[in-house]
Amino acid sequence: DCEVIGGEPLEADDAYRSLLSGKIET
């Protein structure tokens, strides 16, 4: 039951936005 959490810079937050939108953001 180990959860993986990502850390991402605000200045390059494409992964954060990709999870929200459901598609790869740039």
mmCIF file of all heavy atoms, coordinates in Angstrom:
data_MODEL
# 
_entry.id   MODEL 
# 
loop_
_atom_site.group_PDB 
_atom_site.id 
_atom_site.type_symbol 
_atom_site.label_atom_id 
_atom_site.label_alt_id 
_atom_site.label_comp_id 
_atom_site.label_asym_id 
_atom_site.label_entity_id 
_atom_site.label_seq_id 
_atom_site.pdbx_PDB_ins_code 
_atom_site.Cartn_x 
_atom_site.Cartn_y 
_atom_site.Cartn_z 
_atom_site.occupancy 
_atom_site.B_iso_or_equiv 
_atom_site.pdbx_formal_charge 
_atom_site.auth_seq_id 
_atom_site.auth_comp_id 
_atom_site.auth_asym_id 
_atom_site.auth_atom_id 
_atom_site.pdbx_PDB_model_num 
ATOM 1   N N   . ASP A 1 1  ? 0.835  -1.207 0.000   1.00 0.00 ? 1  ASP A N   1 
ATOM 2   C CA  . ASP A 1 1  ? 0.000  0.000  0.000   1.00 0.00 ? 1  ASP A CA  1 
ATOM 3   C C   . ASP A 1 1  ? 0.866  1.252  0.000   1.00 0.00 ? 1  ASP A C   1 
ATOM 4   O O   . ASP A 1 1  ? 0.644  2.199  0.765   1.00 0.00 ? 1  ASP A O   1 
ATOM 5   C CB  . ASP A 1 1  ? -0.940 0.014  1.211   1.00 0.00 ? 1  ASP A CB  1 
ATOM 6   C CG  . ASP A 1 1  ? -1.970 -1.103 1.145   1.00 0.00 ? 1  ASP A CG  1 
ATOM 7   O OD1 . ASP A 1 1  ? -2.482 -1.357 0.042   1.00 0.00 ? 1  ASP A OD1 1 
ATOM 8   O OD2 . ASP A 1 1  ? -2.239 -1.727 2.186   1.00 0.00 ? 1  ASP A OD2 1 
ATOM 9   N N   . CYS A 1 2  ? 1.865  1.245  -0.846  1.00 0.00 ? 2  CYS A N   1 
ATOM 10  C CA  . CYS A 1 2  ? 2.829  2.351  -0.945  1.00 0.00 ? 2  CYS A CA  1 
ATOM 11  C C   . CYS A 1 2  ? 2.446  3.258  -2.110  1.00 0.00 ? 2  CYS A C   1 
ATOM 12  O O   . CYS A 1 2  ? 2.361  2.809  -3.255  1.00 0.00 ? 2  CYS A O   1 
ATOM 13  C CB  . CYS A 1 2  ? 4.235  1.794  -1.144  1.00 0.00 ? 2  CYS A CB  1 
ATOM 14  S SG  . CYS A 1 2  ? 5.510  3.050  -1.313  1.00 0.00 ? 2  CYS A SG  1 
ATOM 15  N N   . GLU A 1 3  ? 2.198  4.512  -1.812  1.00 0.00 ? 3  GLU A N   1 
ATOM 16  C CA  . GLU A 1 3  ? 1.783  5.482  -2.832  1.00 0.00 ? 3  GLU A CA  1 
ATOM 17  C C   . GLU A 1 3  ? 2.974  6.326  -3.278  1.00 0.00 ? 3  GLU A C   1 
ATOM 18  O O   . GLU A 1 3  ? 3.759  6.796  -2.452  1.00 0.00 ? 3  GLU A O   1 
ATOM 19  C CB  . GLU A 1 3  ? 0.691  6.393  -2.279  1.00 0.00 ? 3  GLU A CB  1 
ATOM 20  C CG  . GLU A 1 3  ? 0.164  7.416  -3.286  1.00 0.00 ? 3  GLU A CG  1 
ATOM 21  C CD  . GLU A 1 3  ? -0.918 8.306  -2.724  1.00 0.00 ? 3  GLU A CD  1 
ATOM 22  O OE1 . GLU A 1 3  ? -1.523 7.940  -1.682  1.00 0.00 ? 3  GLU A OE1 1 
ATOM 23  O OE2 . GLU A 1 3  ? -1.162 9.380  -3.307  1.00 0.00 ? 3  GLU A OE2 1 
ATOM 24  N N   . VAL A 1 4  ? 3.091  6.529  -4.574  1.00 0.00 ? 4  VAL A N   1 
ATOM 25  C CA  . VAL A 1 4  ? 4.156  7.357  -5.126  1.00 0.00 ? 4  VAL A CA  1 
ATOM 26  C C   . VAL A 1 4  ? 3.612  8.754  -5.417  1.00 0.00 ? 4  VAL A C   1 
ATOM 27  O O   . VAL A 1 4  ? 2.544  8.902  -6.025  1.00 0.00 ? 4  VAL A O   1 
ATOM 28  C CB  . VAL A 1 4  ? 4.749  6.743  -6.410  1.00 0.00 ? 4  VAL A CB  1 
ATOM 29  C CG1 . VAL A 1 4  ? 5.789  7.674  -7.043  1.00 0.00 ? 4  VAL A CG1 1 
ATOM 30  C CG2 . VAL A 1 4  ? 5.376  5.389  -6.099  1.00 0.00 ? 4  VAL A CG2 1 
ATOM 31  N N   . ILE A 1 5  ? 4.340  9.767  -4.964  1.00 0.00 ? 5  ILE A N   1 
ATOM 32  C CA  . ILE A 1 5  ? 3.933  11.163 -5.155  1.00 0.00 ? 5  ILE A CA  1 
ATOM 33  C C   . ILE A 1 5  ? 5.065  11.914 -5.864  1.00 0.00 ? 5  ILE A C   1 
ATOM 34  O O   . ILE A 1 5  ? 6.239  11.720 -5.546  1.00 0.00 ? 5  ILE A O   1 
ATOM 35  C CB  . ILE A 1 5  ? 3.614  11.830 -3.806  1.00 0.00 ? 5  ILE A CB  1 
ATOM 36  C CG1 . ILE A 1 5  ? 2.399  11.146 -3.173  1.00 0.00 ? 5  ILE A CG1 1 
ATOM 37  C CG2 . ILE A 1 5  ? 3.349  13.332 -3.968  1.00 0.00 ? 5  ILE A CG2 1 
ATOM 38  C CD1 . ILE A 1 5  ? 2.014  11.686 -1.814  1.00 0.00 ? 5  ILE A CD1 1 
ATOM 39  N N   . GLY A 1 6  ? 4.692  12.743 -6.810  1.00 0.00 ? 6  GLY A N   1 
ATOM 40  C CA  . GLY A 1 6  ? 5.678  13.484 -7.568  1.00 0.00 ? 6  GLY A CA  1 
ATOM 41  C C   . GLY A 1 6  ? 5.885  14.898 -7.065  1.00 0.00 ? 6  GLY A C   1 
ATOM 42  O O   . GLY A 1 6  ? 4.969  15.529 -6.542  1.00 0.00 ? 6  GLY A O   1 
ATOM 43  N N   . GLY A 1 7  ? 7.102  15.376 -7.224  1.00 0.00 ? 7  GLY A N   1 
ATOM 44  C CA  . GLY A 1 7  ? 7.420  16.774 -6.989  1.00 0.00 ? 7  GLY A CA  1 
ATOM 45  C C   . GLY A 1 7  ? 7.803  17.418 -8.305  1.00 0.00 ? 7  GLY A C   1 
ATOM 46  O O   . GLY A 1 7  ? 8.535  16.818 -9.117  1.00 0.00 ? 7  GLY A O   1 
ATOM 47  N N   . GLU A 1 8  ? 7.298  18.627 -8.548  1.00 0.00 ? 8  GLU A N   1 
ATOM 48  C CA  . GLU A 1 8  ? 7.520  19.269 -9.844  1.00 0.00 ? 8  GLU A CA  1 
ATOM 49  C C   . GLU A 1 8  ? 7.678  20.778 -9.657  1.00 0.00 ? 8  GLU A C   1 
ATOM 50  O O   . GLU A 1 8  ? 6.979  21.380 -8.844  1.00 0.00 ? 8  GLU A O   1 
ATOM 51  C CB  . GLU A 1 8  ? 6.337  18.973 -10.774 1.00 0.00 ? 8  GLU A CB  1 
ATOM 52  C CG  . GLU A 1 8  ? 6.574  19.385 -12.216 1.00 0.00 ? 8  GLU A CG  1 
ATOM 53  C CD  . GLU A 1 8  ? 5.457  18.921 -13.141 1.00 0.00 ? 8  GLU A CD  1 
ATOM 54  O OE1 . GLU A 1 8  ? 4.272  18.952 -12.718 1.00 0.00 ? 8  GLU A OE1 1 
ATOM 55  O OE2 . GLU A 1 8  ? 5.755  18.547 -14.277 1.00 0.00 ? 8  GLU A OE2 1 
ATOM 56  N N   . PRO A 1 9  ? 8.588  21.409 -10.395 1.00 0.00 ? 9  PRO A N   1 
ATOM 57  C CA  . PRO A 1 9  ? 8.721  22.860 -10.297 1.00 0.00 ? 9  PRO A CA  1 
ATOM 58  C C   . PRO A 1 9  ? 7.490  23.579 -10.847 1.00 0.00 ? 9  PRO A C   1 
ATOM 59  O O   . PRO A 1 9  ? 6.929  23.163 -11.867 1.00 0.00 ? 9  PRO A O   1 
ATOM 60  C CB  . PRO A 1 9  ? 9.940  23.170 -11.173 1.00 0.00 ? 9  PRO A CB  1 
ATOM 61  C CG  . PRO A 1 9  ? 10.636 21.868 -11.384 1.00 0.00 ? 9  PRO A CG  1 
ATOM 62  C CD  . PRO A 1 9  ? 9.570  20.822 -11.320 1.00 0.00 ? 9  PRO A CD  1 
ATOM 63  N N   . LEU A 1 10 ? 7.087  24.632 -10.182 1.00 0.00 ? 10 LEU A N   1 
ATOM 64  C CA  . LEU A 1 10 ? 6.006  25.463 -10.705 1.00 0.00 ? 10 LEU A CA  1 
ATOM 65  C C   . LEU A 1 10 ? 6.336  26.000 -12.092 1.00 0.00 ? 10 LEU A C   1 
ATOM 66  O O   . LEU A 1 10 ? 5.437  26.216 -12.914 1.00 0.00 ? 10 LEU A O   1 
ATOM 67  C CB  . LEU A 1 10 ? 5.745  26.636 -9.753  1.00 0.00 ? 10 LEU A CB  1 
ATOM 68  C CG  . LEU A 1 10 ? 4.769  26.392 -8.596  1.00 0.00 ? 10 LEU A CG  1 
ATOM 69  C CD1 . LEU A 1 10 ? 4.915  27.495 -7.555  1.00 0.00 ? 10 LEU A CD1 1 
ATOM 70  C CD2 . LEU A 1 10 ? 3.341  26.325 -9.105  1.00 0.00 ? 10 LEU A CD2 1 
ATOM 71  N N   . GLU A 1 11 ? 7.624  26.219 -12.345 1.00 0.00 ? 11 GLU A N   1 
ATOM 72  C CA  . GLU A 1 11 ? 8.057  26.797 -13.616 1.00 0.00 ? 11 GLU A CA  1 
ATOM 73  C C   . GLU A 1 11 ? 8.082  25.778 -14.761 1.00 0.00 ? 11 GLU A C   1 
ATOM 74  O O   . GLU A 1 11 ? 8.351  26.160 -15.902 1.00 0.00 ? 11 GLU A O   1 
ATOM 75  C CB  . GLU A 1 11 ? 9.446  27.417 -13.455 1.00 0.00 ? 11 GLU A CB  1 
ATOM 76  C CG  . GLU A 1 11 ? 9.513  28.573 -12.469 1.00 0.00 ? 11 GLU A CG  1 
ATOM 77  C CD  . GLU A 1 11 ? 8.746  29.802 -12.939 1.00 0.00 ? 11 GLU A CD  1 
ATOM 78  O OE1 . GLU A 1 11 ? 8.620  29.983 -14.165 1.00 0.00 ? 11 GLU A OE1 1 
ATOM 79  O OE2 . GLU A 1 11 ? 8.274  30.575 -12.092 1.00 0.00 ? 11 GLU A OE2 1 
ATOM 80  N N   . ALA A 1 12 ? 7.829  24.520 -14.462 1.00 0.00 ? 12 ALA A N   1 
ATOM 81  C CA  . ALA A 1 12 ? 7.788  23.478 -15.493 1.00 0.00 ? 12 ALA A CA  1 
ATOM 82  C C   . ALA A 1 12 ? 6.821  22.393 -15.027 1.00 0.00 ? 12 ALA A C   1 
ATOM 83  O O   . ALA A 1 12 ? 7.200  21.263 -14.761 1.00 0.00 ? 12 ALA A O   1 
ATOM 84  C CB  . ALA A 1 12 ? 9.177  22.901 -15.740 1.00 0.00 ? 12 ALA A CB  1 
ATOM 85  N N   . ASP A 1 13 ? 5.539  22.768 -14.936 1.00 0.00 ? 13 ASP A N   1 
ATOM 86  C CA  . ASP A 1 13 ? 4.540  21.907 -14.287 1.00 0.00 ? 13 ASP A CA  1 
ATOM 87  C C   . ASP A 1 13 ? 3.647  21.170 -15.274 1.00 0.00 ? 13 ASP A C   1 
ATOM 88  O O   . ASP A 1 13 ? 2.465  20.962 -15.035 1.00 0.00 ? 13 ASP A O   1 
ATOM 89  C CB  . ASP A 1 13 ? 3.684  22.734 -13.326 1.00 0.00 ? 13 ASP A CB  1 
ATOM 90  C CG  . ASP A 1 13 ? 2.809  23.765 -14.031 1.00 0.00 ? 13 ASP A CG  1 
ATOM 91  O OD1 . ASP A 1 13 ? 3.058  24.036 -15.228 1.00 0.00 ? 13 ASP A OD1 1 
ATOM 92  O OD2 . ASP A 1 13 ? 1.878  24.276 -13.389 1.00 0.00 ? 13 ASP A OD2 1 
ATOM 93  N N   . ASP A 1 14 ? 4.229  20.711 -16.384 1.00 0.00 ? 14 ASP A N   1 
ATOM 94  C CA  . ASP A 1 14 ? 3.434  20.041 -17.409 1.00 0.00 ? 14 ASP A CA  1 
ATOM 95  C C   . ASP A 1 14 ? 2.792  18.749 -16.913 1.00 0.00 ? 14 ASP A C   1 
ATOM 96  O O   . ASP A 1 14 ? 1.669  18.413 -17.303 1.00 0.00 ? 14 ASP A O   1 
ATOM 97  C CB  . ASP A 1 14 ? 4.297  19.748 -18.643 1.00 0.00 ? 14 ASP A CB  1 
ATOM 98  C CG  . ASP A 1 14 ? 5.515  18.903 -18.305 1.00 0.00 ? 14 ASP A CG  1 
ATOM 99  O OD1 . ASP A 1 14 ? 6.403  19.418 -17.602 1.00 0.00 ? 14 ASP A OD1 1 
ATOM 100 O OD2 . ASP A 1 14 ? 5.583  17.736 -18.740 1.00 0.00 ? 14 ASP A OD2 1 
ATOM 101 N N   . ALA A 1 15 ? 3.475  18.005 -16.037 1.00 0.00 ? 15 ALA A N   1 
ATOM 102 C CA  . ALA A 1 15 ? 2.904  16.745 -15.534 1.00 0.00 ? 15 ALA A CA  1 
ATOM 103 C C   . ALA A 1 15 ? 1.684  17.015 -14.650 1.00 0.00 ? 15 ALA A C   1 
ATOM 104 O O   . ALA A 1 15 ? 0.667  16.318 -14.748 1.00 0.00 ? 15 ALA A O   1 
ATOM 105 C CB  . ALA A 1 15 ? 3.959  15.961 -14.761 1.00 0.00 ? 15 ALA A CB  1 
ATOM 106 N N   . TYR A 1 16 ? 1.786  18.022 -13.803 1.00 0.00 ? 16 TYR A N   1 
ATOM 107 C CA  . TYR A 1 16 ? 0.650  18.412 -12.949 1.00 0.00 ? 16 TYR A CA  1 
ATOM 108 C C   . TYR A 1 16 ? -0.559 18.758 -13.810 1.00 0.00 ? 16 TYR A C   1 
ATOM 109 O O   . TYR A 1 16 ? -1.676 18.286 -13.563 1.00 0.00 ? 16 TYR A O   1 
ATOM 110 C CB  . TYR A 1 16 ? 1.059  19.602 -12.089 1.00 0.00 ? 16 TYR A CB  1 
ATOM 111 C CG  . TYR A 1 16 ? -0.049 20.181 -11.238 1.00 0.00 ? 16 TYR A CG  1 
ATOM 112 C CD1 . TYR A 1 16 ? -0.320 19.670 -9.966  1.00 0.00 ? 16 TYR A CD1 1 
ATOM 113 C CD2 . TYR A 1 16 ? -0.831 21.249 -11.691 1.00 0.00 ? 16 TYR A CD2 1 
ATOM 114 C CE1 . TYR A 1 16 ? -1.334 20.199 -9.181  1.00 0.00 ? 16 TYR A CE1 1 
ATOM 115 C CE2 . TYR A 1 16 ? -1.845 21.779 -10.916 1.00 0.00 ? 16 TYR A CE2 1 
ATOM 116 C CZ  . TYR A 1 16 ? -2.086 21.252 -9.661  1.00 0.00 ? 16 TYR A CZ  1 
ATOM 117 O OH  . TYR A 1 16 ? -3.094 21.788 -8.891  1.00 0.00 ? 16 TYR A OH  1 
ATOM 118 N N   . ARG A 1 17 ? -0.341 19.570 -14.841 1.00 0.00 ? 17 ARG A N   1 
ATOM 119 C CA  . ARG A 1 17 ? -1.438 19.982 -15.714 1.00 0.00 ? 17 ARG A CA  1 
ATOM 120 C C   . ARG A 1 17 ? -1.944 18.828 -16.584 1.00 0.00 ? 17 ARG A C   1 
ATOM 121 O O   . ARG A 1 17 ? -3.132 18.753 -16.902 1.00 0.00 ? 17 ARG A O   1 
ATOM 122 C CB  . ARG A 1 17 ? -1.004 21.163 -16.584 1.00 0.00 ? 17 ARG A CB  1 
ATOM 123 C CG  . ARG A 1 17 ? -0.822 22.454 -15.779 1.00 0.00 ? 17 ARG A CG  1 
ATOM 124 C CD  . ARG A 1 17 ? -0.416 23.643 -16.642 1.00 0.00 ? 17 ARG A CD  1 
ATOM 125 N NE  . ARG A 1 17 ? 0.978  23.577 -17.052 1.00 0.00 ? 17 ARG A NE  1 
ATOM 126 C CZ  . ARG A 1 17 ? 1.401  23.319 -18.281 1.00 0.00 ? 17 ARG A CZ  1 
ATOM 127 N NH1 . ARG A 1 17 ? 0.518  23.090 -19.258 1.00 0.00 ? 17 ARG A NH1 1 
ATOM 128 N NH2 . ARG A 1 17 ? 2.689  23.276 -18.565 1.00 0.00 ? 17 ARG A NH2 1 
ATOM 129 N N   . SER A 1 18 ? -1.046 17.916 -16.941 1.00 0.00 ? 18 SER A N   1 
ATOM 130 C CA  . SER A 1 18 ? -1.439 16.754 -17.747 1.00 0.00 ? 18 SER A CA  1 
ATOM 131 C C   . SER A 1 18 ? -2.387 15.835 -16.977 1.00 0.00 ? 18 SER A C   1 
ATOM 132 O O   . SER A 1 18 ? -3.357 15.318 -17.534 1.00 0.00 ? 18 SER A O   1 
ATOM 133 C CB  . SER A 1 18 ? -0.197 15.977 -18.192 1.00 0.00 ? 18 SER A CB  1 
ATOM 134 O OG  . SER A 1 18 ? 0.627  16.761 -19.031 1.00 0.00 ? 18 SER A OG  1 
ATOM 135 N N   . LEU A 1 19 ? -2.099 15.638 -15.692 1.00 0.00 ? 19 LEU A N   1 
ATOM 136 C CA  . LEU A 1 19 ? -2.991 14.819 -14.870 1.00 0.00 ? 19 LEU A CA  1 
ATOM 137 C C   . LEU A 1 19 ? -4.380 15.443 -14.781 1.00 0.00 ? 19 LEU A C   1 
ATOM 138 O O   . LEU A 1 19 ? -5.389 14.741 -14.798 1.00 0.00 ? 19 LEU A O   1 
ATOM 139 C CB  . LEU A 1 19 ? -2.419 14.644 -13.458 1.00 0.00 ? 19 LEU A CB  1 
ATOM 140 C CG  . LEU A 1 19 ? -1.496 13.454 -13.192 1.00 0.00 ? 19 LEU A CG  1 
ATOM 141 C CD1 . LEU A 1 19 ? -1.212 13.318 -11.696 1.00 0.00 ? 19 LEU A CD1 1 
ATOM 142 C CD2 . LEU A 1 19 ? -2.077 12.146 -13.719 1.00 0.00 ? 19 LEU A CD2 1 
ATOM 143 N N   . LEU A 1 20 ? -4.427 16.763 -14.690 1.00 0.00 ? 20 LEU A N   1 
ATOM 144 C CA  . LEU A 1 20 ? -5.714 17.451 -14.589 1.00 0.00 ? 20 LEU A CA  1 
ATOM 145 C C   . LEU A 1 20 ? -6.505 17.379 -15.887 1.00 0.00 ? 20 LEU A C   1 
ATOM 146 O O   . LEU A 1 20 ? -7.717 17.158 -15.876 1.00 0.00 ? 20 LEU A O   1 
ATOM 147 C CB  . LEU A 1 20 ? -5.500 18.922 -14.198 1.00 0.00 ? 20 LEU A CB  1 
ATOM 148 C CG  . LEU A 1 20 ? -5.037 19.211 -12.766 1.00 0.00 ? 20 LEU A CG  1 
ATOM 149 C CD1 . LEU A 1 20 ? -4.831 20.713 -12.572 1.00 0.00 ? 20 LEU A CD1 1 
ATOM 150 C CD2 . LEU A 1 20 ? -6.045 18.682 -11.747 1.00 0.00 ? 20 LEU A CD2 1 
ATOM 151 N N   . SER A 1 21 ? -5.830 17.557 -17.010 1.00 0.00 ? 21 SER A N   1 
ATOM 152 C CA  . SER A 1 21 ? -6.519 17.644 -18.305 1.00 0.00 ? 21 SER A CA  1 
ATOM 153 C C   . SER A 1 21 ? -6.769 16.286 -18.947 1.00 0.00 ? 21 SER A C   1 
ATOM 154 O O   . SER A 1 21 ? -7.630 16.143 -19.817 1.00 0.00 ? 21 SER A O   1 
ATOM 155 C CB  . SER A 1 21 ? -5.712 18.515 -19.271 1.00 0.00 ? 21 SER A CB  1 
ATOM 156 O OG  . SER A 1 21 ? -4.513 17.863 -19.665 1.00 0.00 ? 21 SER A OG  1 
ATOM 157 N N   . GLY A 1 22 ? -5.975 15.284 -18.534 1.00 0.00 ? 22 GLY A N   1 
ATOM 158 C CA  . GLY A 1 22 ? -6.118 13.966 -19.126 1.00 0.00 ? 22 GLY A CA  1 
ATOM 159 C C   . GLY A 1 22 ? -5.390 13.794 -20.438 1.00 0.00 ? 22 GLY A C   1 
ATOM 160 O O   . GLY A 1 22 ? -5.554 12.796 -21.135 1.00 0.00 ? 22 GLY A O   1 
ATOM 161 N N   . LYS A 1 23 ? -4.553 14.764 -20.806 1.00 0.00 ? 23 LYS A N   1 
ATOM 162 C CA  . LYS A 1 23 ? -3.734 14.657 -22.015 1.00 0.00 ? 23 LYS A CA  1 
ATOM 163 C C   . LYS A 1 23 ? -2.371 15.300 -21.758 1.00 0.00 ? 23 LYS A C   1 
ATOM 164 O O   . LYS A 1 23 ? -2.210 16.062 -20.805 1.00 0.00 ? 23 LYS A O   1 
ATOM 165 C CB  . LYS A 1 23 ? -4.418 15.337 -23.206 1.00 0.00 ? 23 LYS A CB  1 
ATOM 166 C CG  . LYS A 1 23 ? -4.683 16.824 -23.033 1.00 0.00 ? 23 LYS A CG  1 
ATOM 167 C CD  . LYS A 1 23 ? -5.492 17.359 -24.201 1.00 0.00 ? 23 LYS A CD  1 
ATOM 168 C CE  . LYS A 1 23 ? -5.812 18.844 -24.055 1.00 0.00 ? 23 LYS A CE  1 
ATOM 169 N NZ  . LYS A 1 23 ? -4.646 19.716 -24.183 1.00 0.00 ? 23 LYS A NZ  1 
ATOM 170 N N   . ILE A 1 24 ? -1.398 14.945 -22.583 1.00 0.00 ? 24 ILE A N   1 
ATOM 171 C CA  . ILE A 1 24 ? -0.045 15.448 -22.380 1.00 0.00 ? 24 ILE A CA  1 
ATOM 172 C C   . ILE A 1 24 ? 0.003  16.944 -22.674 1.00 0.00 ? 24 ILE A C   1 
ATOM 173 O O   . ILE A 1 24 ? -0.314 17.380 -23.788 1.00 0.00 ? 24 ILE A O   1 
ATOM 174 C CB  . ILE A 1 24 ? 0.963  14.701 -23.261 1.00 0.00 ? 24 ILE A CB  1 
ATOM 175 C CG1 . ILE A 1 24 ? 1.012  13.224 -22.872 1.00 0.00 ? 24 ILE A CG1 1 
ATOM 176 C CG2 . ILE A 1 24 ? 2.354  15.327 -23.136 1.00 0.00 ? 24 ILE A CG2 1 
ATOM 177 C CD1 . ILE A 1 24 ? 1.911  12.372 -23.751 1.00 0.00 ? 24 ILE A CD1 1 
ATOM 178 N N   . GLU A 1 25 ? 0.368  17.712 -21.665 1.00 0.00 ? 25 GLU A N   1 
ATOM 179 C CA  . GLU A 1 25 ? 0.516  19.158 -21.809 1.00 0.00 ? 25 GLU A CA  1 
ATOM 180 C C   . GLU A 1 25 ? 1.982  19.507 -22.023 1.00 0.00 ? 25 GLU A C   1 
ATOM 181 O O   . GLU A 1 25 ? 2.882  18.733 -21.696 1.00 0.00 ? 25 GLU A O   1 
ATOM 182 C CB  . GLU A 1 25 ? -0.005 19.870 -20.554 1.00 0.00 ? 25 GLU A CB  1 
ATOM 183 C CG  . GLU A 1 25 ? -1.465 19.586 -20.223 1.00 0.00 ? 25 GLU A CG  1 
ATOM 184 C CD  . GLU A 1 25 ? -2.432 20.264 -21.185 1.00 0.00 ? 25 GLU A CD  1 
ATOM 185 O OE1 . GLU A 1 25 ? -1.993 21.125 -21.969 1.00 0.00 ? 25 GLU A OE1 1 
ATOM 186 O OE2 . GLU A 1 25 ? -3.637 19.924 -21.145 1.00 0.00 ? 25 GLU A OE2 1 
ATOM 187 N N   . THR A 1 26 ? 2.218  20.691 -22.556 1.00 0.00 ? 26 THR A N   1 
ATOM 188 C CA  . THR A 1 26 ? 3.592  21.151 -22.789 1.00 0.00 ? 26 THR A CA  1 
ATOM 189 C C   . THR A 1 26 ? 3.886  22.376 -21.935 1.00 0.00 ? 26 THR A C   1 
ATOM 190 O O   . THR A 1 26 ? 2.981  22.978 -21.351 1.00 0.00 ? 26 THR A O   1 
ATOM 191 C CB  . THR A 1 26 ? 3.805  21.505 -24.272 1.00 0.00 ? 26 THR A CB  1 
ATOM 192 O OG1 . THR A 1 26 ? 2.877  22.540 -24.646 1.00 0.00 ? 26 THR A OG1 1 
ATOM 193 C CG2 . THR A 1 26 ? 3.571  20.289 -25.155 1.00 0.00 ? 26 THR A CG2 1 
# 
